[in-house]
Amino acid sequence: MRARLLSSLLTLVAASAGLVATSSVAHADTPDTKEAPEAGEPREIGVGMYLVATEDVTLRDAALSKGARIHVTRVGLQKGRVATVDVELADGHVLKRVAVDAIRKAFTVADESKE
């Protein structure tokens, strides 16, 4: 009786180990959502990012020339997506609730290695 119970228990442990190994292999094949985006893919704008103007642009009353850097200080979400951002200009002035479409059209994420 004892040997039979032990045999059943070992079979159960071996089967569950096989399931664990299979599930870890399945997870290894799925892409990680926290990986950096591929080249050419737009990066999600987040707090702390520096953005560089790709063209001359006017945000509200502030005229920025090509190459101007801004700093994202706050992100406003609407329906779970980035809708607005607060940005700090080089002179320290903060523009609140700038539409993210205007930012994506005229700015790119600054290269961190050039800071």
C-alpha atoms as a PDB file:
ATOM      1  CA  MET A   1       0.000   0.000   0.000  1.00  0.00           C
ATOM      2  CA  ARG A   2       2.735   2.394   0.973  1.00  0.00           C
ATOM      3  CA  ALA A   3       4.764   1.634  -2.169  1.00  0.00           C
ATOM      4  CA  ARG A   4       1.703   2.137  -4.319  1.00  0.00           C
ATOM      5  CA  LEU A   5       0.978   5.513  -2.724  1.00  0.00           C
ATOM      6  CA  LEU A   6       4.612   6.546  -3.117  1.00  0.00           C
ATOM      7  CA  SER A   7       4.563   5.471  -6.765  1.00  0.00           C
ATOM      8  CA  SER A   8       1.407   7.510  -7.421  1.00  0.00           C
ATOM      9  CA  LEU A   9       2.911  10.505  -5.671  1.00  0.00           C
ATOM     10  CA  LEU A  10       6.112  10.276  -7.730  1.00  0.00           C
ATOM     11  CA  THR A  11       4.087  10.034 -10.927  1.00  0.00           C
ATOM     12  CA  LEU A  12       2.102  13.119  -9.937  1.00  0.00           C
ATOM     13  CA  VAL A  13       5.272  15.081  -9.115  1.00  0.00           C
ATOM     14  CA  ALA A  14       6.907  14.062 -12.400  1.00  0.00           C
ATOM     15  CA  ALA A  15       3.817  15.053 -14.373  1.00  0.00           C
ATOM     16  CA  SER A  16       3.583  18.443 -12.682  1.00  0.00           C
ATOM     17  CA  ALA A  17       7.312  19.029 -13.274  1.00  0.00           C
ATOM     18  CA  GLY A  18       6.715  18.349 -16.958  1.00  0.00           C
ATOM     19  CA  LEU A  19       3.912  20.910 -16.996  1.00  0.00           C
ATOM     20  CA  VAL A  20       6.104  23.485 -15.296  1.00  0.00           C
ATOM     21  CA  ALA A  21       8.910  22.894 -17.785  1.00  0.00           C
ATOM     22  CA  THR A  22       6.476  23.139 -20.687  1.00  0.00           C
ATOM     23  CA  SER A  23       4.944  26.372 -19.425  1.00  0.00           C
ATOM     24  CA  SER A  24       8.347  27.980 -18.869  1.00  0.00           C
ATOM     25  CA  VAL A  25       9.351  27.090 -22.420  1.00  0.00           C
ATOM     26  CA  ALA A  26       6.133  28.595 -23.722  1.00  0.00           C
ATOM     27  CA  HIS A  27       6.821  31.814 -21.818  1.00  0.00           C
ATOM     28  CA  ALA A  28      10.368  31.943 -23.148  1.00  0.00           C
ATOM     29  CA  ASP A  29       9.049  32.064 -26.716  1.00  0.00           C
ATOM     30  CA  THR A  30       6.640  34.952 -26.118  1.00  0.00           C
ATOM     31  CA  PRO A  31       8.032  38.452 -26.676  1.00  0.00           C
ATOM     32  CA  ASP A  32       8.737  40.518 -23.579  1.00  0.00           C
ATOM     33  CA  THR A  33       6.588  43.648 -23.479  1.00  0.00           C
ATOM     34  CA  LYS A  34       9.220  45.622 -21.577  1.00  0.00           C
ATOM     35  CA  GLU A  35      11.868  45.336 -24.295  1.00  0.00           C
ATOM     36  CA  ALA A  36      13.046  48.472 -26.052  1.00  0.00           C
ATOM     37  CA  PRO A  37      11.226  49.185 -29.312  1.00  0.00           C
ATOM     38  CA  GLU A  38      12.886  48.293 -32.589  1.00  0.00           C
ATOM     39  CA  ALA A  39      14.502  50.977 -34.713  1.00  0.00           C
ATOM     40  CA  GLY A  40      11.846  52.959 -36.538  1.00  0.00           C
ATOM     41  CA  GLU A  41       9.172  52.146 -33.957  1.00  0.00           C
ATOM     42  CA  PRO A  42       7.948  55.165 -31.976  1.00  0.00           C
ATOM     43  CA  ARG A  43       8.742  55.054 -28.272  1.00  0.00           C
ATOM     44  CA  GLU A  44       6.030  55.802 -25.760  1.00  0.00           C
ATOM     45  CA  ILE A  45       6.492  59.260 -24.249  1.00  0.00           C
ATOM     46  CA  GLY A  46       7.086  59.149 -20.502  1.00  0.00           C
ATOM     47  CA  VAL A  47       8.005  61.350 -17.560  1.00  0.00           C
ATOM     48  CA  GLY A  48      11.683  62.242 -17.454  1.00  0.00           C
ATOM     49  CA  MET A  49      12.288  61.917 -21.183  1.00  0.00           C
ATOM     50  CA  TYR A  50      14.070  64.585 -23.159  1.00  0.00           C
ATOM     51  CA  LEU A  51      12.687  65.352 -26.601  1.00  0.00           C
ATOM     52  CA  VAL A  52      14.389  67.162 -29.489  1.00  0.00           C
ATOM     53  CA  ALA A  53      12.541  69.277 -32.058  1.00  0.00           C
ATOM     54  CA  THR A  54      12.875  67.916 -35.594  1.00  0.00           C
ATOM     55  CA  GLU A  55      11.582  71.153 -37.122  1.00  0.00           C
ATOM     56  CA  ASP A  56      10.754  74.717 -36.105  1.00  0.00           C
ATOM     57  CA  VAL A  57       7.588  74.510 -34.026  1.00  0.00           C
ATOM     58  CA  THR A  58       5.330  76.730 -31.936  1.00  0.00           C
ATOM     59  CA  LEU A  59       3.824  75.302 -28.752  1.00  0.00           C
ATOM     60  CA  ARG A  60       1.280  77.780 -27.476  1.00  0.00           C
ATOM     61  CA  ASP A  61       3.223  81.086 -27.439  1.00  0.00           C
ATOM     62  CA  ALA A  62       6.675  79.487 -27.287  1.00  0.00           C
ATOM     63  CA  ALA A  63       8.554  79.356 -30.593  1.00  0.00           C
ATOM     64  CA  LEU A  64      11.118  76.544 -30.643  1.00  0.00           C
ATOM     65  CA  SER A  65      13.731  76.075 -33.326  1.00  0.00           C
ATOM     66  CA  LYS A  66      14.912  72.787 -34.789  1.00  0.00           C
ATOM     67  CA  GLY A  67      17.156  70.997 -32.269  1.00  0.00           C
ATOM     68  CA  ALA A  68      15.529  72.572 -29.185  1.00  0.00           C
ATOM     69  CA  ARG A  69      15.267  70.200 -26.211  1.00  0.00           C
ATOM     70  CA  ILE A  70      12.279  69.901 -23.903  1.00  0.00           C
ATOM     71  CA  HIS A  71      11.803  67.779 -20.781  1.00  0.00           C
ATOM     72  CA  VAL A  72       8.587  65.828 -20.094  1.00  0.00           C
ATOM     73  CA  THR A  73       7.475  66.525 -16.509  1.00  0.00           C
ATOM     74  CA  ARG A  74       3.983  64.976 -16.476  1.00  0.00           C
ATOM     75  CA  VAL A  75       1.893  62.658 -18.620  1.00  0.00           C
ATOM     76  CA  GLY A  76      -1.893  62.951 -18.792  1.00  0.00           C
ATOM     77  CA  LEU A  77      -3.822  59.796 -19.629  1.00  0.00           C
ATOM     78  CA  GLN A  78      -7.215  59.548 -21.256  1.00  0.00           C
ATOM     79  CA  LYS A  79      -8.831  56.129 -21.698  1.00  0.00           C
ATOM     80  CA  GLY A  80      -5.517  54.510 -20.782  1.00  0.00           C
ATOM     81  CA  ARG A  81      -3.506  56.270 -23.484  1.00  0.00           C
ATOM     82  CA  VAL A  82      -1.168  59.245 -23.332  1.00  0.00           C
ATOM     83  CA  ALA A  83      -3.247  62.281 -24.336  1.00  0.00           C
ATOM     84  CA  THR A  84      -1.368  65.296 -22.972  1.00  0.00           C
ATOM     85  CA  VAL A  85       2.052  66.089 -21.546  1.00  0.00           C
ATOM     86  CA  ASP A  86       3.490  68.879 -19.443  1.00  0.00           C
ATOM     87  CA  VAL A  87       6.870  69.943 -20.807  1.00  0.00           C
ATOM     88  CA  GLU A  88       9.625  72.108 -19.388  1.00  0.00           C
ATOM     89  CA  LEU A  89      11.444  74.368 -21.817  1.00  0.00           C
ATOM     90  CA  ALA A  90      15.156  75.169 -21.618  1.00  0.00           C
ATOM     91  CA  ASP A  91      14.437  78.448 -19.802  1.00  0.00           C
ATOM     92  CA  GLY A  92      12.461  76.622 -17.087  1.00  0.00           C
ATOM     93  CA  HIS A  93       9.008  77.655 -18.308  1.00  0.00           C
ATOM     94  CA  VAL A  94       6.486  74.796 -18.104  1.00  0.00           C
ATOM     95  CA  LEU A  95       3.779  74.331 -20.723  1.00  0.00           C
ATOM     96  CA  LYS A  96       0.877  72.372 -19.265  1.00  0.00           C
ATOM     97  CA  ARG A  97      -1.378  69.914 -21.086  1.00  0.00           C
ATOM     98  CA  VAL A  98       0.204  70.054 -24.539  1.00  0.00           C
ATOM     99  CA  ALA A  99      -1.509  67.640 -26.945  1.00  0.00           C
ATOM    100  CA  VAL A 100       0.637  64.569 -27.489  1.00  0.00           C
ATOM    101  CA  ASP A 101      -0.146  64.629 -31.231  1.00  0.00           C
ATOM    102  CA  ALA A 102       1.680  67.958 -31.570  1.00  0.00           C
ATOM    103  CA  ILE A 103       4.629  66.528 -29.621  1.00  0.00           C
ATOM    104  CA  ARG A 104       4.825  63.344 -31.717  1.00  0.00           C
ATOM    105  CA  LYS A 105       4.636  65.329 -34.950  1.00  0.00           C
ATOM    106  CA  ALA A 106       7.469  67.756 -34.163  1.00  0.00           C
ATOM    107  CA  PHE A 107       9.738  65.960 -31.644  1.00  0.00           C
ATOM    108  CA  THR A 108      11.774  62.773 -31.299  1.00  0.00           C
ATOM    109  CA  VAL A 109      13.181  61.157 -28.180  1.00  0.00           C
ATOM    110  CA  ALA A 110      16.656  62.531 -27.442  1.00  0.00           C
ATOM    111  CA  ASP A 111      19.581  60.136 -27.590  1.00  0.00           C
ATOM    112  CA  GLU A 112      20.609  59.472 -23.965  1.00  0.00           C
ATOM    113  CA  SER A 113      24.269  59.010 -24.914  1.00  0.00           C
ATOM    114  CA  LYS A 114      24.539  62.656 -26.056  1.00  0.00           C
ATOM    115  CA  GLU A 115      23.396  64.213 -22.752  1.00  0.00           C
END
